[in-house]
Amino acid sequence: MPPHTASPRIKMNIRFSYLLFGVILTYFSSYLPDLSGVVGIEGTRISSLVAFGSLNGMLFGPFWGAIVSGTGMFLHELNTPGYISKNAFSMLSLFFIMLCSVVSGLIVQRQHRMAALIYGFLLFLWYSTDVGREAYYYPWFHIITLIAFLVVGKYVVESIHSKTFIFIYLFFAALLGVLSDHIAGSIAYSYIYDLPASAFSSVVLLYPMERAILALSATLIAFFILAIYRDLILSSDNFKEDVDRLKSQELEEYLNRDVMQIIENEGYER
């Protein structure tokens, strides 16, 4: 079989293997202990799966990351009935974690405007509710994080060659992802259980720490995986040859497509 026909199939198999690994990892992460009894609202818990929702977005992108997160969580539901379907809020949690993957994935792919629009729309939904307007100070950490990312994120991207800045950038991606899950969950929770504004006021200083821990967990794993992947590529003996070949192909295409057309047009005008 010619190399050019085998290459797409090999790439497809590799991508499938990565996605399958992500689904399996997400599935087993559902068995990790949740954070419970620390949010200030009786009966609530923070699923450790949220960290893996953000991780999937950073590793697989906004679309496939959301698919991996949703599939892994759905498979856990099939094997453990009631994990998702025991109440309305748990059923919605599946979509919240997929949303977390979307936001984190968009940021890693440098689609900052789309990520900010989704994030900002969630904040708009919060303030469009009666509880949200009464507890207007509740998403203070969400707002500060968004502003910090918009201000600092641009400079972090420009210094992406530094591992320190890569870590900071991944942490922003993870944090905005888990905070998207948080504010979406808060909106749904207030509607489903008709909570008063005082219930959210009691956790206004607690949830930033909880979400930062989840984001940091996802960041450490993503940074470790991406750092290994980066080092493997740079240490490859064929890396420089591949880069030179790509540059040569791009130069050849430019000469044939643009330069030759200009020369022909000038010759025709003369």
Protein backbone atom coordinates (compact mmCIF):
# COMPACT_ATOMS: atom_id res chain seq x y z
CA MET A 1 0.00 0.00 0.00
CA PRO A 2 1.41 3.43 -0.91
CA PRO A 3 2.47 5.61 2.03
CA HIS A 4 0.05 8.41 1.15
CA THR A 5 -2.94 6.05 1.41
CA ALA A 6 -1.81 4.46 4.67
CA SER A 7 -1.07 7.71 6.47
CA PRO A 8 -4.69 8.94 6.89
CA ARG A 9 -5.73 5.53 8.21
CA ILE A 10 -2.89 5.51 10.73
CA LYS A 11 -3.79 9.01 11.89
CA MET A 12 -7.44 7.98 12.25
CA ASN A 13 -6.48 4.93 14.33
CA ILE A 14 -4.24 7.05 16.56
CA ARG A 15 -6.99 9.62 17.08
CA PHE A 16 -9.51 6.88 17.86
CA SER A 17 -7.11 5.38 20.41
CA TYR A 18 -6.67 8.75 22.10
CA LEU A 19 -10.42 9.34 22.26
CA LEU A 20 -11.04 5.84 23.58
CA PHE A 21 -8.42 6.38 26.27
CA GLY A 22 -10.15 9.65 27.21
CA VAL A 23 -13.54 7.93 27.48
CA ILE A 24 -12.11 5.15 29.66
CA LEU A 25 -10.30 7.65 31.89
CA THR A 26 -13.47 9.73 32.28
CA TYR A 27 -15.50 6.61 33.03
CA PHE A 28 -13.25 5.51 35.87
CA SER A 29 -12.92 9.07 37.18
CA SER A 30 -16.62 8.87 38.01
CA TYR A 31 -15.68 6.52 40.83
CA LEU A 32 -13.36 9.03 42.47
CA PRO A 33 -14.62 10.49 45.76
CA ASP A 34 -16.58 13.71 45.38
CA LEU A 35 -16.16 16.89 47.38
CA SER A 36 -19.14 16.91 49.72
CA GLY A 37 -20.15 18.76 52.84
CA VAL A 38 -17.95 21.72 52.04
CA VAL A 39 -20.10 23.94 49.88
CA GLY A 40 -22.35 25.22 52.63
CA ILE A 41 -25.58 23.84 51.13
CA GLU A 42 -26.87 20.63 52.68
CA GLY A 43 -27.06 17.64 50.34
CA THR A 44 -24.86 19.10 47.61
CA ARG A 45 -21.63 17.66 46.30
CA ILE A 46 -18.99 18.65 43.77
CA SER A 47 -18.17 15.81 41.41
CA SER A 48 -14.48 15.16 40.80
CA LEU A 49 -15.54 14.47 37.22
CA VAL A 50 -15.63 18.23 36.61
CA ALA A 51 -11.82 18.29 36.60
CA PHE A 52 -11.78 15.61 33.90
CA GLY A 53 -14.36 17.54 31.90
CA SER A 54 -11.92 20.43 31.73
CA LEU A 55 -9.02 18.07 31.06
CA ASN A 56 -10.82 16.47 28.10
CA GLY A 57 -11.45 19.89 26.58
CA MET A 58 -7.78 20.84 26.86
CA LEU A 59 -6.55 17.55 25.39
CA PHE A 60 -9.15 16.84 22.71
CA GLY A 61 -10.59 20.26 21.87
CA PRO A 62 -14.07 21.74 22.43
CA PHE A 63 -16.02 19.28 20.26
CA TRP A 64 -14.33 15.95 20.87
CA GLY A 65 -13.60 16.88 24.47
CA ALA A 66 -17.31 17.37 25.12
CA ILE A 67 -18.09 14.07 23.36
CA VAL A 68 -15.49 12.23 25.46
CA SER A 69 -16.81 13.75 28.70
CA GLY A 70 -20.45 13.02 27.87
CA THR A 71 -19.71 9.48 26.69
CA GLY A 72 -17.64 8.59 29.73
CA MET A 73 -20.26 9.91 32.12
CA PHE A 74 -23.08 8.22 30.20
CA LEU A 75 -21.29 4.85 30.30
CA HIS A 76 -20.94 5.22 34.05
CA GLU A 77 -24.69 5.80 34.25
CA LEU A 78 -25.36 2.61 32.28
CA ASN A 79 -23.18 0.61 34.68
CA THR A 80 -24.37 2.45 37.80
CA PRO A 81 -28.04 3.39 37.29
CA GLY A 82 -29.03 6.45 39.28
CA TYR A 83 -25.66 8.22 39.08
CA ILE A 84 -27.14 10.72 36.64
CA SER A 85 -30.86 9.96 36.49
CA LYS A 86 -31.67 10.08 40.20
CA ASN A 87 -32.93 13.69 39.92
CA ALA A 88 -33.29 16.50 37.41
CA PHE A 89 -30.17 18.34 38.52
CA SER A 90 -28.00 15.23 38.18
CA MET A 91 -29.32 14.71 34.66
CA LEU A 92 -28.35 18.27 33.74
CA SER A 93 -24.88 17.74 35.22
CA LEU A 94 -23.97 15.75 32.12
CA PHE A 95 -24.43 18.85 29.96
CA PHE A 96 -22.67 21.10 32.46
CA ILE A 97 -19.53 18.95 32.32
CA MET A 98 -19.70 18.90 28.51
CA LEU A 99 -19.97 22.70 28.64
CA CYS A 100 -16.86 22.73 30.83
CA SER A 101 -15.02 20.78 28.10
CA VAL A 102 -16.20 23.20 25.42
CA VAL A 103 -14.98 26.33 27.22
CA SER A 104 -11.60 24.84 28.19
CA GLY A 105 -11.13 23.45 24.69
CA LEU A 106 -11.90 26.77 23.02
CA ILE A 107 -9.34 28.55 25.17
CA VAL A 108 -6.59 26.01 24.45
CA GLN A 109 -7.36 26.38 20.73
CA ARG A 110 -7.06 30.17 21.22
CA GLN A 111 -10.67 30.85 20.33
CA HIS A 112 -10.86 33.33 23.17
CA ARG A 113 -13.76 35.37 21.82
CA MET A 114 -16.10 32.38 21.54
CA ALA A 115 -15.11 31.12 25.00
CA ALA A 116 -15.67 34.59 26.50
CA LEU A 117 -19.08 34.85 24.78
CA ILE A 118 -20.25 31.54 26.25
CA TYR A 119 -18.88 32.44 29.66
CA GLY A 120 -20.39 35.93 29.54
CA PHE A 121 -23.76 34.55 28.44
CA LEU A 122 -23.83 32.31 31.52
CA LEU A 123 -23.18 35.33 33.73
CA PHE A 124 -25.97 37.16 31.91
CA LEU A 125 -28.34 34.27 32.65
CA TRP A 126 -27.42 34.44 36.33
CA TYR A 127 -28.21 38.14 36.58
CA SER A 128 -31.45 37.67 34.63
CA THR A 129 -32.90 35.69 37.55
CA ASP A 130 -34.40 37.17 40.70
CA VAL A 131 -31.98 35.23 42.88
CA GLY A 132 -29.07 36.35 40.72
CA ARG A 133 -29.97 40.01 41.05
CA GLU A 134 -30.40 39.67 44.79
CA ALA A 135 -27.15 37.74 45.23
CA TYR A 136 -25.38 39.95 42.70
CA TYR A 137 -22.01 39.49 44.43
CA TYR A 138 -22.11 35.67 44.17
CA PRO A 139 -20.15 35.30 40.88
CA TRP A 140 -17.41 37.73 41.92
CA PHE A 141 -14.72 35.13 41.37
CA HIS A 142 -16.11 34.30 37.92
CA ILE A 143 -15.92 37.95 36.89
CA ILE A 144 -12.41 38.51 38.29
CA THR A 145 -11.18 35.36 36.53
CA LEU A 146 -12.65 36.47 33.20
CA ILE A 147 -11.12 39.96 33.47
CA ALA A 148 -7.74 38.53 34.48
CA PHE A 149 -7.80 36.15 31.52
CA LEU A 150 -8.73 38.88 29.04
CA VAL A 151 -5.94 41.11 30.35
CA VAL A 152 -3.21 38.58 31.08
CA GLY A 153 -4.14 35.87 28.58
CA LYS A 154 -2.94 37.87 25.58
CA TYR A 155 0.55 38.25 27.03
CA VAL A 156 0.65 34.61 28.11
CA VAL A 157 -0.07 33.46 24.55
CA GLU A 158 2.74 35.63 23.22
CA SER A 159 5.15 33.91 25.65
CA ILE A 160 3.83 30.40 25.01
CA HIS A 161 7.40 29.09 24.49
CA SER A 162 7.93 29.26 28.26
CA LYS A 163 6.76 26.28 30.30
CA THR A 164 5.77 28.63 33.12
CA PHE A 165 3.48 30.59 30.83
CA ILE A 166 2.10 27.37 29.35
CA PHE A 167 1.15 26.24 32.85
CA ILE A 168 -0.54 29.59 33.59
CA TYR A 169 -2.41 29.46 30.30
CA LEU A 170 -3.64 25.92 30.96
CA PHE A 171 -4.71 26.93 34.45
CA PHE A 172 -6.81 29.76 33.00
CA ALA A 173 -8.38 27.33 30.53
CA ALA A 174 -9.18 24.84 33.28
CA LEU A 175 -10.45 27.48 35.71
CA LEU A 176 -12.78 29.13 33.20
CA GLY A 177 -14.06 25.68 32.27
CA VAL A 178 -14.88 24.56 35.82
CA LEU A 179 -16.37 27.99 36.62
CA SER A 180 -18.64 27.66 33.57
CA ASP A 181 -19.86 24.37 34.99
CA HIS A 182 -20.30 26.05 38.37
CA ILE A 183 -22.37 29.04 37.27
CA ALA A 184 -24.53 26.89 34.97
CA GLY A 185 -25.11 24.49 37.85
CA SER A 186 -25.93 27.34 40.22
CA ILE A 187 -28.57 28.69 37.81
CA ALA A 188 -30.16 25.26 37.40
CA TYR A 189 -29.98 24.53 41.14
CA SER A 190 -31.73 27.78 42.03
CA TYR A 191 -34.55 27.03 39.59
CA ILE A 192 -35.05 23.36 40.45
CA TYR A 193 -34.90 23.69 44.23
CA ASP A 194 -36.11 27.29 44.51
CA LEU A 195 -33.21 28.31 46.73
CA PRO A 196 -33.14 31.74 48.36
CA ALA A 197 -30.31 34.16 47.73
CA SER A 198 -29.01 33.56 51.25
CA ALA A 199 -28.09 29.98 50.30
CA PHE A 200 -25.64 31.28 47.70
CA SER A 201 -24.38 34.01 49.99
CA SER A 202 -23.22 31.37 52.46
CA VAL A 203 -20.78 29.87 49.94
CA VAL A 204 -19.51 33.05 48.31
CA LEU A 205 -16.04 32.63 49.84
CA LEU A 206 -15.91 28.83 49.68
CA TYR A 207 -16.52 27.95 46.05
CA PRO A 208 -13.43 29.79 44.68
CA MET A 209 -11.17 27.46 46.67
CA GLU A 210 -13.10 24.37 45.58
CA ARG A 211 -13.05 25.34 41.91
CA ALA A 212 -9.39 26.33 42.05
CA ILE A 213 -8.52 22.86 43.40
CA LEU A 214 -10.43 21.18 40.56
CA ALA A 215 -8.82 23.46 37.97
CA LEU A 216 -5.35 22.90 39.40
CA SER A 217 -5.83 19.13 39.25
CA ALA A 218 -6.79 19.29 35.57
CA THR A 219 -3.92 21.70 34.85
CA LEU A 220 -1.28 19.45 36.40
CA ILE A 221 -2.40 16.43 34.39
CA ALA A 222 -2.73 18.38 31.12
CA PHE A 223 0.64 20.08 31.61
CA PHE A 224 2.33 16.75 32.33
CA ILE A 225 0.83 15.09 29.22
CA LEU A 226 1.45 18.03 26.90
CA ALA A 227 4.99 18.54 28.18
CA ILE A 228 5.84 14.91 27.43
CA TYR A 229 4.21 15.16 24.00
CA ARG A 230 6.15 18.36 23.26
CA ASP A 231 9.48 16.85 24.34
CA LEU A 232 8.87 13.72 22.27
CA ILE A 233 8.24 15.80 19.16
CA LEU A 234 11.24 18.06 19.66
CA SER A 235 13.53 15.12 20.37
CA SER A 236 12.49 13.29 17.22
CA ASP A 237 15.31 12.80 14.71
CA ASN A 238 12.92 13.49 11.85
CA PHE A 239 11.41 16.64 13.35
CA LYS A 240 13.79 19.11 11.65
CA GLU A 241 13.49 17.21 8.37
CA ASP A 242 9.69 17.32 8.57
CA VAL A 243 9.72 21.07 9.25
CA ASP A 244 12.12 21.73 6.36
CA ARG A 245 10.01 19.59 4.04
CA LEU A 246 6.84 21.46 4.97
CA LYS A 247 8.56 24.80 4.43
CA SER A 248 9.81 23.60 1.04
CA GLN A 249 6.32 22.47 0.04
CA GLU A 250 4.78 25.77 1.11
CA LEU A 251 7.43 27.72 -0.83
CA GLU A 252 6.87 25.60 -3.93
CA GLU A 253 3.10 26.08 -3.72
CA TYR A 254 3.56 29.82 -3.31
CA LEU A 255 5.84 30.02 -6.36
CA ASN A 256 3.52 27.95 -8.53
CA ARG A 257 0.29 29.56 -7.42
CA ASP A 258 1.10 33.23 -6.84
CA VAL A 259 4.45 34.17 -8.33
CA MET A 260 3.90 32.39 -11.65
CA GLN A 261 0.47 33.98 -11.98
CA ILE A 262 1.95 37.45 -11.47
CA ILE A 263 4.65 36.77 -14.07
CA GLU A 264 2.11 35.48 -16.58
CA ASN A 265 -0.17 38.48 -16.05
CA GLU A 266 2.69 40.93 -16.51
CA GLY A 267 3.80 39.12 -19.67
CA TYR A 268 0.27 39.20 -21.02
CA GLU A 269 -0.10 42.94 -20.39
CA ARG A 270 3.14 43.65 -22.23
